[in-house]
Amino acid sequence: MSSKRSRSDDAVDWMRDQILSGTWPLNSRIPTQAQTAATSGFSFAIIRQVTSLLIGNGMLESASGRGTYVRDRSAVTSVLLDHLHDQPPQWTLALRHAMEVEAAGLAATNRAEIFNAIERRDAKAAQEAAGRHADRDLATSHT
């Protein structure tokens, strides 16, 4: 593996630094690709490529006609992406699969907990309503 870094790698680092340092705050609109190219010294083509990469990994989000926005600046995400950058696609797909399986399990657990909480709330509301009806029936029978 070559230790020489490409201009694209340097541009990825530069754009991530803009996000991680807060120069481009979370949920803010970033400069246009042309403005970013002029400011950074990287070519427009490289900035377009890196912007697409950061959109693909969730750090940026493109809103048609409105611009590109910072959506995630997690250092964990950045470290993971650095690691994945040097891995073969099969490894990345295996990791993604493992994470999706874990996420689905957590979602199922949370769903069950939410449904149980809703059932408890509904049962309590039904008991309270039955108690109010009983109190009203008792009050009307004494009149």
N, C-alpha and C. Protein backbone atom coordinates (compact mmCIF):
# COMPACT_ATOMS: atom_id res chain seq x y z
N MET A 1 0.84 -1.17 0.00
CA MET A 1 0.00 0.00 0.00
C MET A 1 0.89 1.25 0.00
N SER A 2 0.57 2.18 -0.83
CA SER A 2 1.36 3.40 -0.97
C SER A 2 1.07 4.35 0.19
N SER A 3 2.09 5.02 0.67
CA SER A 3 1.89 5.98 1.76
C SER A 3 1.59 7.38 1.22
N LYS A 4 1.69 7.54 -0.10
CA LYS A 4 1.43 8.83 -0.71
C LYS A 4 -0.07 9.11 -0.71
N ARG A 5 -0.43 10.29 -0.24
CA ARG A 5 -1.84 10.67 -0.17
C ARG A 5 -2.24 11.41 -1.44
N SER A 6 -3.47 11.19 -1.84
CA SER A 6 -3.98 11.88 -3.03
C SER A 6 -4.56 13.24 -2.62
N ARG A 7 -4.79 14.09 -3.60
CA ARG A 7 -5.43 15.39 -3.35
C ARG A 7 -6.85 15.17 -2.82
N SER A 8 -7.50 14.11 -3.29
CA SER A 8 -8.85 13.80 -2.79
C SER A 8 -8.82 13.47 -1.30
N ASP A 9 -7.81 12.69 -0.87
CA ASP A 9 -7.68 12.38 0.56
C ASP A 9 -7.49 13.66 1.37
N ASP A 10 -6.65 14.54 0.85
CA ASP A 10 -6.42 15.81 1.54
C ASP A 10 -7.70 16.65 1.59
N ALA A 11 -8.47 16.62 0.50
CA ALA A 11 -9.73 17.39 0.46
C ALA A 11 -10.75 16.81 1.44
N VAL A 12 -10.79 15.47 1.54
CA VAL A 12 -11.69 14.83 2.53
C VAL A 12 -11.32 15.32 3.93
N ASP A 13 -10.03 15.29 4.25
CA ASP A 13 -9.58 15.75 5.56
C ASP A 13 -9.94 17.22 5.77
N TRP A 14 -9.74 18.05 4.76
CA TRP A 14 -10.02 19.48 4.89
C TRP A 14 -11.50 19.72 5.14
N MET A 15 -12.37 19.04 4.35
CA MET A 15 -13.81 19.24 4.54
C MET A 15 -14.28 18.69 5.88
N ARG A 16 -13.75 17.55 6.29
CA ARG A 16 -14.11 17.01 7.63
C ARG A 16 -13.66 17.98 8.72
N ASP A 17 -12.49 18.57 8.55
CA ASP A 17 -12.02 19.55 9.54
C ASP A 17 -12.96 20.74 9.63
N GLN A 18 -13.51 21.17 8.49
CA GLN A 18 -14.46 22.29 8.51
C GLN A 18 -15.68 21.92 9.35
N ILE A 19 -16.11 20.66 9.25
CA ILE A 19 -17.27 20.18 10.00
C ILE A 19 -16.92 19.96 11.47
N LEU A 20 -15.83 19.24 11.73
CA LEU A 20 -15.48 18.88 13.11
C LEU A 20 -15.07 20.09 13.93
N SER A 21 -14.47 21.09 13.29
CA SER A 21 -14.03 22.28 14.02
C SER A 21 -15.18 23.24 14.30
N GLY A 22 -16.32 23.02 13.61
CA GLY A 22 -17.46 23.92 13.78
C GLY A 22 -17.44 25.10 12.82
N THR A 23 -16.44 25.16 11.94
CA THR A 23 -16.44 26.20 10.91
C THR A 23 -17.73 26.08 10.09
N TRP A 24 -18.11 24.84 9.81
CA TRP A 24 -19.42 24.55 9.23
C TRP A 24 -20.24 23.87 10.32
N PRO A 25 -21.05 24.63 11.05
CA PRO A 25 -21.79 24.05 12.18
C PRO A 25 -22.84 23.02 11.75
N LEU A 26 -23.20 22.18 12.69
CA LEU A 26 -24.24 21.18 12.48
C LEU A 26 -25.51 21.87 12.02
N ASN A 27 -26.16 21.32 11.02
CA ASN A 27 -27.41 21.80 10.42
C ASN A 27 -27.26 23.09 9.63
N SER A 28 -26.03 23.55 9.43
CA SER A 28 -25.84 24.76 8.64
C SER A 28 -25.65 24.42 7.17
N ARG A 29 -25.95 25.39 6.33
CA ARG A 29 -25.72 25.25 4.89
C ARG A 29 -24.25 25.57 4.64
N ILE A 30 -23.59 24.69 3.91
CA ILE A 30 -22.17 24.92 3.62
C ILE A 30 -22.06 25.77 2.36
N PRO A 31 -20.90 26.36 2.12
CA PRO A 31 -20.72 27.13 0.88
C PRO A 31 -20.93 26.24 -0.35
N THR A 32 -21.22 26.86 -1.47
CA THR A 32 -21.37 26.10 -2.71
C THR A 32 -20.07 25.39 -3.04
N GLN A 33 -20.13 24.43 -3.93
CA GLN A 33 -18.92 23.71 -4.32
C GLN A 33 -17.91 24.65 -4.97
N ALA A 34 -18.40 25.61 -5.75
CA ALA A 34 -17.49 26.57 -6.38
C ALA A 34 -16.82 27.44 -5.32
N GLN A 35 -17.59 27.90 -4.34
CA GLN A 35 -17.00 28.71 -3.25
C GLN A 35 -16.01 27.88 -2.44
N THR A 36 -16.37 26.62 -2.17
CA THR A 36 -15.48 25.74 -1.40
C THR A 36 -14.18 25.49 -2.16
N ALA A 37 -14.29 25.28 -3.47
CA ALA A 37 -13.08 25.07 -4.28
C ALA A 37 -12.20 26.31 -4.24
N ALA A 38 -12.80 27.49 -4.36
CA ALA A 38 -12.02 28.73 -4.35
C ALA A 38 -11.36 28.95 -2.99
N THR A 39 -12.08 28.65 -1.91
CA THR A 39 -11.56 28.86 -0.55
C THR A 39 -10.48 27.85 -0.19
N SER A 40 -10.69 26.60 -0.59
CA SER A 40 -9.82 25.52 -0.15
C SER A 40 -8.57 25.34 -1.00
N GLY A 41 -8.66 25.76 -2.25
CA GLY A 41 -7.54 25.54 -3.16
C GLY A 41 -7.60 24.20 -3.88
N PHE A 42 -8.64 23.40 -3.61
CA PHE A 42 -8.84 22.14 -4.32
C PHE A 42 -9.67 22.42 -5.57
N SER A 43 -9.54 21.58 -6.56
CA SER A 43 -10.30 21.79 -7.79
C SER A 43 -11.78 21.55 -7.55
N PHE A 44 -12.58 22.14 -8.42
CA PHE A 44 -14.03 21.96 -8.34
C PHE A 44 -14.39 20.48 -8.44
N ALA A 45 -13.71 19.74 -9.34
CA ALA A 45 -13.99 18.31 -9.52
C ALA A 45 -13.72 17.53 -8.23
N ILE A 46 -12.64 17.84 -7.56
CA ILE A 46 -12.32 17.15 -6.30
C ILE A 46 -13.34 17.51 -5.23
N ILE A 47 -13.71 18.77 -5.14
CA ILE A 47 -14.71 19.18 -4.14
C ILE A 47 -16.05 18.50 -4.43
N ARG A 48 -16.43 18.40 -5.69
CA ARG A 48 -17.67 17.71 -6.05
C ARG A 48 -17.59 16.24 -5.63
N GLN A 49 -16.46 15.58 -5.88
CA GLN A 49 -16.26 14.18 -5.52
C GLN A 49 -16.33 14.00 -4.00
N VAL A 50 -15.65 14.85 -3.26
CA VAL A 50 -15.61 14.73 -1.80
C VAL A 50 -16.99 15.06 -1.21
N THR A 51 -17.67 16.04 -1.76
CA THR A 51 -19.01 16.37 -1.29
C THR A 51 -19.92 15.16 -1.47
N SER A 52 -19.84 14.51 -2.60
CA SER A 52 -20.65 13.30 -2.83
C SER A 52 -20.30 12.21 -1.83
N LEU A 53 -19.01 12.04 -1.56
CA LEU A 53 -18.57 11.05 -0.57
C LEU A 53 -19.16 11.37 0.80
N LEU A 54 -19.08 12.63 1.23
CA LEU A 54 -19.59 13.01 2.55
C LEU A 54 -21.11 12.96 2.62
N ILE A 55 -21.77 13.16 1.50
CA ILE A 55 -23.23 12.96 1.45
C ILE A 55 -23.52 11.48 1.61
N GLY A 56 -22.75 10.65 0.91
CA GLY A 56 -22.94 9.21 0.97
C GLY A 56 -22.74 8.63 2.35
N ASN A 57 -21.85 9.21 3.14
CA ASN A 57 -21.61 8.67 4.47
C ASN A 57 -22.41 9.37 5.55
N GLY A 58 -23.25 10.32 5.16
CA GLY A 58 -24.17 10.92 6.12
C GLY A 58 -23.69 12.17 6.81
N MET A 59 -22.48 12.62 6.54
CA MET A 59 -22.01 13.85 7.18
C MET A 59 -22.69 15.07 6.58
N LEU A 60 -22.97 15.01 5.28
CA LEU A 60 -23.63 16.10 4.57
C LEU A 60 -24.93 15.58 3.97
N GLU A 61 -25.84 16.51 3.71
CA GLU A 61 -27.10 16.18 3.05
C GLU A 61 -27.39 17.25 2.01
N SER A 62 -27.72 16.82 0.81
CA SER A 62 -28.04 17.74 -0.26
C SER A 62 -29.54 17.94 -0.32
N ALA A 63 -29.98 19.19 -0.33
CA ALA A 63 -31.40 19.52 -0.47
C ALA A 63 -31.57 20.23 -1.81
N SER A 64 -32.21 19.57 -2.72
CA SER A 64 -32.34 20.07 -4.08
C SER A 64 -32.85 21.51 -4.11
N GLY A 65 -32.08 22.37 -4.75
CA GLY A 65 -32.47 23.78 -4.88
C GLY A 65 -32.18 24.63 -3.66
N ARG A 66 -31.76 24.00 -2.55
CA ARG A 66 -31.50 24.76 -1.33
C ARG A 66 -30.06 24.70 -0.86
N GLY A 67 -29.29 23.75 -1.36
CA GLY A 67 -27.89 23.66 -0.96
C GLY A 67 -27.56 22.37 -0.25
N THR A 68 -26.38 22.37 0.35
CA THR A 68 -25.87 21.20 1.07
C THR A 68 -25.70 21.58 2.53
N TYR A 69 -26.13 20.69 3.43
CA TYR A 69 -26.17 20.97 4.86
C TYR A 69 -25.36 19.95 5.64
N VAL A 70 -24.78 20.40 6.76
CA VAL A 70 -24.05 19.51 7.67
C VAL A 70 -25.07 18.75 8.49
N ARG A 71 -25.00 17.41 8.46
CA ARG A 71 -25.95 16.58 9.20
C ARG A 71 -25.32 15.75 10.30
N ASP A 72 -24.01 15.56 10.26
CA ASP A 72 -23.35 14.76 11.29
C ASP A 72 -21.91 15.20 11.39
N ARG A 73 -21.45 15.46 12.59
CA ARG A 73 -20.04 15.83 12.75
C ARG A 73 -19.35 14.94 13.77
N SER A 74 -19.95 13.80 14.01
CA SER A 74 -19.43 12.87 15.00
C SER A 74 -17.99 12.47 14.69
N ALA A 75 -17.14 12.62 15.67
CA ALA A 75 -15.75 12.17 15.51
C ALA A 75 -15.71 10.67 15.33
N VAL A 76 -16.65 9.95 15.93
CA VAL A 76 -16.71 8.50 15.77
C VAL A 76 -16.96 8.17 14.30
N THR A 77 -17.88 8.89 13.69
CA THR A 77 -18.15 8.68 12.28
C THR A 77 -16.90 8.93 11.46
N SER A 78 -16.21 10.00 11.77
CA SER A 78 -15.01 10.35 11.03
C SER A 78 -13.93 9.29 11.18
N VAL A 79 -13.72 8.80 12.38
CA VAL A 79 -12.71 7.76 12.62
C VAL A 79 -13.10 6.48 11.90
N LEU A 80 -14.37 6.12 11.97
CA LEU A 80 -14.84 4.91 11.29
C LEU A 80 -14.63 5.04 9.79
N LEU A 81 -14.95 6.20 9.25
CA LEU A 81 -14.77 6.41 7.82
C LEU A 81 -13.30 6.34 7.42
N ASP A 82 -12.42 6.88 8.26
CA ASP A 82 -10.99 6.77 7.98
C ASP A 82 -10.58 5.31 7.90
N HIS A 83 -11.09 4.51 8.83
CA HIS A 83 -10.76 3.09 8.84
C HIS A 83 -11.34 2.37 7.63
N LEU A 84 -12.61 2.65 7.31
CA LEU A 84 -13.27 1.99 6.20
C LEU A 84 -12.63 2.35 4.86
N HIS A 85 -12.08 3.54 4.79
CA HIS A 85 -11.46 4.02 3.55
C HIS A 85 -10.38 3.06 3.06
N ASP A 86 -9.66 2.43 3.99
CA ASP A 86 -8.55 1.55 3.64
C ASP A 86 -8.95 0.07 3.56
N GLN A 87 -10.24 -0.23 3.75
CA GLN A 87 -10.69 -1.61 3.77
C GLN A 87 -11.29 -2.01 2.42
N PRO A 88 -11.24 -3.31 2.10
CA PRO A 88 -11.88 -3.76 0.86
C PRO A 88 -13.40 -3.64 0.98
N PRO A 89 -14.09 -3.49 -0.14
CA PRO A 89 -15.55 -3.33 -0.10
C PRO A 89 -16.26 -4.48 0.63
N GLN A 90 -15.75 -5.69 0.52
CA GLN A 90 -16.39 -6.83 1.19
C GLN A 90 -16.40 -6.64 2.71
N TRP A 91 -15.33 -6.11 3.25
CA TRP A 91 -15.25 -5.88 4.69
C TRP A 91 -16.27 -4.83 5.11
N THR A 92 -16.37 -3.78 4.32
CA THR A 92 -17.32 -2.71 4.62
C THR A 92 -18.75 -3.24 4.57
N LEU A 93 -19.05 -4.07 3.57
CA LEU A 93 -20.39 -4.64 3.47
C LEU A 93 -20.69 -5.58 4.64
N ALA A 94 -19.69 -6.35 5.06
CA ALA A 94 -19.89 -7.24 6.22
C ALA A 94 -20.15 -6.43 7.48
N LEU A 95 -19.42 -5.34 7.67
CA LEU A 95 -19.64 -4.47 8.83
C LEU A 95 -21.04 -3.86 8.77
N ARG A 96 -21.41 -3.38 7.59
CA ARG A 96 -22.74 -2.78 7.44
C ARG A 96 -23.82 -3.80 7.79
N HIS A 97 -23.68 -5.02 7.29
CA HIS A 97 -24.66 -6.06 7.59
C HIS A 97 -24.76 -6.30 9.10
N ALA A 98 -23.62 -6.42 9.75
CA ALA A 98 -23.62 -6.65 11.20
C ALA A 98 -24.30 -5.51 11.94
N MET A 99 -24.04 -4.28 11.52
CA MET A 99 -24.66 -3.13 12.18
C MET A 99 -26.16 -3.09 11.93
N GLU A 100 -26.58 -3.44 10.73
CA GLU A 100 -28.01 -3.44 10.42
C GLU A 100 -28.75 -4.49 11.23
N VAL A 101 -28.15 -5.67 11.39
CA VAL A 101 -28.77 -6.73 12.18
C VAL A 101 -28.92 -6.26 13.63
N GLU A 102 -27.86 -5.66 14.18
CA GLU A 102 -27.91 -5.14 15.55
C GLU A 102 -28.96 -4.04 15.69
N ALA A 103 -29.00 -3.14 14.72
CA ALA A 103 -29.98 -2.04 14.76
C ALA A 103 -31.40 -2.58 14.68
N ALA A 104 -31.63 -3.58 13.85
CA ALA A 104 -32.96 -4.17 13.75
C ALA A 104 -33.37 -4.81 15.07
N GLY A 105 -32.43 -5.49 15.72
CA GLY A 105 -32.73 -6.08 17.03
C GLY A 105 -33.08 -5.03 18.07
N LEU A 106 -32.31 -3.95 18.09
CA LEU A 106 -32.61 -2.86 19.04
C LEU A 106 -33.96 -2.22 18.73
N ALA A 107 -34.27 -2.06 17.46
CA ALA A 107 -35.56 -1.48 17.09
C ALA A 107 -36.71 -2.37 17.54
N ALA A 108 -36.55 -3.67 17.37
CA ALA A 108 -37.59 -4.61 17.80
C ALA A 108 -37.77 -4.57 19.31
N THR A 109 -36.67 -4.51 20.05
CA THR A 109 -36.75 -4.42 21.51
C THR A 109 -37.45 -3.13 21.93
N ASN A 110 -37.06 -2.01 21.32
CA ASN A 110 -37.68 -0.73 21.66
C ASN A 110 -39.16 -0.73 21.30
N ARG A 111 -39.50 -1.34 20.17
CA ARG A 111 -40.90 -1.40 19.75
C ARG A 111 -41.72 -2.16 20.79
N ALA A 112 -41.20 -3.31 21.25
CA ALA A 112 -41.91 -4.10 22.25
C ALA A 112 -42.08 -3.30 23.54
N GLU A 113 -41.04 -2.58 23.97
CA GLU A 113 -41.13 -1.78 25.19
C GLU A 113 -42.16 -0.66 25.04
N ILE A 114 -42.22 -0.06 23.86
CA ILE A 114 -43.18 1.01 23.62
C ILE A 114 -44.60 0.45 23.65
N PHE A 115 -44.82 -0.68 22.99
CA PHE A 115 -46.15 -1.28 22.99
C PHE A 115 -46.58 -1.67 24.40
N ASN A 116 -45.66 -2.21 25.20
CA ASN A 116 -45.99 -2.55 26.59
C ASN A 116 -46.37 -1.31 27.38
N ALA A 117 -45.64 -0.22 27.18
CA ALA A 117 -45.96 1.03 27.89
C ALA A 117 -47.33 1.55 27.45
N ILE A 118 -47.64 1.46 26.18
CA ILE A 118 -48.95 1.90 25.68
C ILE A 118 -50.06 1.04 26.28
N GLU A 119 -49.84 -0.26 26.34
CA GLU A 119 -50.85 -1.16 26.93
C GLU A 119 -51.07 -0.83 28.40
N ARG A 120 -49.99 -0.57 29.15
CA ARG A 120 -50.14 -0.21 30.57
C ARG A 120 -50.90 1.11 30.72
N ARG A 121 -50.57 2.09 29.87
CA ARG A 121 -51.26 3.37 29.92
C ARG A 121 -52.75 3.21 29.62
N ASP A 122 -53.07 2.42 28.58
CA ASP A 122 -54.47 2.22 28.20
C ASP A 122 -55.23 1.47 29.29
N ALA A 123 -54.59 0.48 29.92
CA ALA A 123 -55.25 -0.26 31.00
C ALA A 123 -55.52 0.65 32.19
N LYS A 124 -54.56 1.51 32.51
CA LYS A 124 -54.74 2.45 33.62
C LYS A 124 -55.86 3.44 33.31
N ALA A 125 -55.91 3.91 32.08
CA ALA A 125 -56.97 4.85 31.69
C ALA A 125 -58.33 4.17 31.75
N ALA A 126 -58.39 2.91 31.35
CA ALA A 126 -59.66 2.17 31.40
C ALA A 126 -60.11 1.97 32.84
N GLN A 127 -59.15 1.67 33.75
CA GLN A 127 -59.49 1.52 35.17
C GLN A 127 -60.00 2.83 35.75
N GLU A 128 -59.32 3.92 35.41
CA GLU A 128 -59.75 5.23 35.92
C GLU A 128 -61.12 5.60 35.38
N ALA A 129 -61.37 5.29 34.12
CA ALA A 129 -62.69 5.58 33.54
C ALA A 129 -63.76 4.73 34.20
N ALA A 130 -63.46 3.46 34.46
CA ALA A 130 -64.43 2.59 35.14
C ALA A 130 -64.71 3.10 36.54
N GLY A 131 -63.67 3.58 37.22
CA GLY A 131 -63.85 4.14 38.56
C GLY A 131 -64.73 5.39 38.53
N ARG A 132 -64.55 6.25 37.55
CA ARG A 132 -65.38 7.45 37.43
C ARG A 132 -66.83 7.08 37.15
N HIS A 133 -67.04 6.09 36.30
CA HIS A 133 -68.41 5.65 36.00
C HIS A 133 -69.06 5.06 37.26
N ALA A 134 -68.29 4.27 38.01
CA ALA A 134 -68.83 3.68 39.23
C ALA A 134 -69.19 4.76 40.24
N ASP A 135 -68.32 5.78 40.39
CA ASP A 135 -68.60 6.89 41.31
C ASP A 135 -69.85 7.64 40.87
N ARG A 136 -70.01 7.87 39.58
CA ARG A 136 -71.17 8.59 39.05
C ARG A 136 -72.44 7.74 39.27
N ASP A 137 -72.35 6.44 39.02
CA ASP A 137 -73.52 5.57 39.24
C ASP A 137 -73.92 5.54 40.69
N LEU A 138 -72.92 5.51 41.58
CA LEU A 138 -73.20 5.50 43.02
C LEU A 138 -73.85 6.81 43.43
N ALA A 139 -73.35 7.93 42.90
CA ALA A 139 -73.90 9.24 43.24
C ALA A 139 -75.33 9.38 42.73
N THR A 140 -75.64 8.88 41.56
CA THR A 140 -76.99 9.00 41.02
C THR A 140 -77.96 8.06 41.70
N SER A 141 -77.49 6.95 42.26
CA SER A 141 -78.39 6.00 42.93
C SER A 141 -78.80 6.54 44.30
N HIS A 142 -78.05 7.45 44.87
CA HIS A 142 -78.38 8.01 46.19
C HIS A 142 -79.29 9.23 46.07
N THR A 143 -79.57 9.66 44.89
CA THR A 143 -80.42 10.85 44.74
C THR A 143 -81.85 10.51 44.46
